[in-house]
Structures are given as structure tokens and as C-alpha cells.
Amino acid sequence: MNLYSGSVRRLLDSWPGKRRFGIYRFLPLFFVLGAALEFSMINWTVGETNFYRTFKRRQAKNYVEEQQHHQQQQQQHQQ
């Protein structure tokens, strides 16, 4: 039972380094794809926001909530 087409098999088999590196020959490709994804998440904006700003905003919100939680615990402990 074939899980993928013959053209995909030919493409994968034609990728250099099969004998020496085996399945690890695809690592540079995935490294470049990961770097491109990271670059796009930081630099591409949709409207007024991007992934980096959203992440930083969420991180700040979590910090504030954590500080409020600690203050509430301290107040309860003092009473």
C-alpha cells in the first residue's frame, strides 16, 4: 500500500545525501523553513499586530496577574 505518490517518492529519493546521511539529510531544509517561519512571525504584521507583539502583551498580562495573585495571598496571610 503506497502512502504517497510516485512523484513524491522520486523527489525524496533525488534529494542528495541519502547514502551518507539517511533521513537526516532533510534537516537543513527544516532548519531553513523554521527560520523563515520565525522571521515571518516577528516581522509580518496584520493590521496593528503581529505574533511578537501579541506574545509580549500576553507575557505582560501574565506577569501582572501573577503579581496580583501574590498580593492577594499576602493580604490573606496577614489577616
Protein backbone atom coordinates (compact mmCIF):
# COMPACT_ATOMS: atom_id res chain seq x y z
CA MET A 1 0.00 0.00 0.00
CA ASN A 2 1.50 3.32 -1.09
CA LEU A 3 1.12 6.16 1.35
CA TYR A 4 2.37 8.75 -1.12
CA SER A 5 2.60 9.14 -4.85
CA GLY A 6 5.46 8.11 -7.09
CA SER A 7 6.40 11.71 -7.81
CA VAL A 8 6.88 12.39 -4.10
CA ARG A 9 8.99 9.25 -3.83
CA ARG A 10 11.15 10.38 -6.77
CA LEU A 11 11.57 13.82 -5.22
CA LEU A 12 12.61 12.36 -1.86
CA ASP A 13 14.96 9.86 -3.47
CA SER A 14 16.60 12.53 -5.60
CA TRP A 15 17.46 14.64 -2.55
CA PRO A 16 21.26 14.49 -2.14
CA GLY A 17 22.99 12.71 0.74
CA LYS A 18 20.77 9.66 1.02
CA ARG A 19 23.58 7.15 1.44
CA ARG A 20 25.69 9.21 3.83
CA PHE A 21 23.09 11.00 5.97
CA GLY A 22 19.95 8.90 5.56
CA ILE A 23 16.82 10.57 6.85
CA TYR A 24 18.90 13.36 8.43
CA ARG A 25 19.62 14.82 5.00
CA PHE A 26 16.40 16.81 5.29
CA LEU A 27 17.48 18.69 8.44
CA PRO A 28 18.86 21.75 6.61
CA LEU A 29 15.56 22.13 4.77
CA PHE A 30 13.57 22.09 8.00
CA PHE A 31 16.06 24.43 9.67
CA VAL A 32 15.54 26.98 6.89
CA LEU A 33 11.76 26.54 7.00
CA GLY A 34 11.78 27.07 10.77
CA ALA A 35 13.90 30.20 10.44
CA ALA A 36 11.55 31.55 7.77
CA LEU A 37 8.54 30.88 9.98
CA GLU A 38 10.19 32.64 12.92
CA PHE A 39 11.12 35.60 10.72
CA SER A 40 7.57 35.88 9.42
CA MET A 41 6.04 35.69 12.90
CA ILE A 42 8.23 38.56 14.10
CA ASN A 43 8.24 40.84 11.06
CA TRP A 44 4.89 40.41 9.32
CA THR A 45 2.09 42.50 10.72
CA VAL A 46 -1.62 42.03 10.21
CA GLY A 47 -3.30 45.33 10.87
CA GLU A 48 -1.66 46.67 14.00
CA THR A 49 -0.40 43.43 15.46
CA ASN A 50 1.96 40.55 14.86
CA PHE A 51 2.90 37.42 16.77
CA TYR A 52 5.74 39.09 18.68
CA ARG A 53 3.57 41.93 19.99
CA THR A 54 0.82 39.51 20.92
CA PHE A 55 3.29 37.30 22.78
CA LYS A 56 4.82 40.23 24.67
CA ARG A 57 1.36 41.55 25.58
CA ARG A 58 0.33 38.14 26.89
CA GLN A 59 3.57 37.82 28.83
CA ALA A 60 2.98 41.22 30.48
CA LYS A 61 -0.61 40.27 31.30
CA ASN A 62 0.53 37.03 32.93
CA TYR A 63 3.12 38.92 34.98
CA VAL A 64 0.53 41.41 36.25
CA GLU A 65 -1.91 38.63 37.12
CA GLU A 66 0.83 36.76 38.96
CA GLN A 67 1.74 39.85 40.97
CA GLN A 68 -1.91 40.45 41.86
CA HIS A 69 -2.25 36.83 42.96
CA HIS A 70 0.82 37.13 45.21
CA GLN A 71 -0.51 40.34 46.74
CA GLN A 72 -3.86 38.70 47.47
CA GLN A 73 -2.13 35.76 49.12
CA GLN A 74 -0.02 38.09 51.26
CA GLN A 75 -3.10 40.04 52.33
CA GLN A 76 -4.93 36.85 53.26
CA HIS A 77 -1.90 35.60 55.17
CA GLN A 78 -1.67 38.85 57.17
CA GLN A 79 -5.33 38.67 58.23
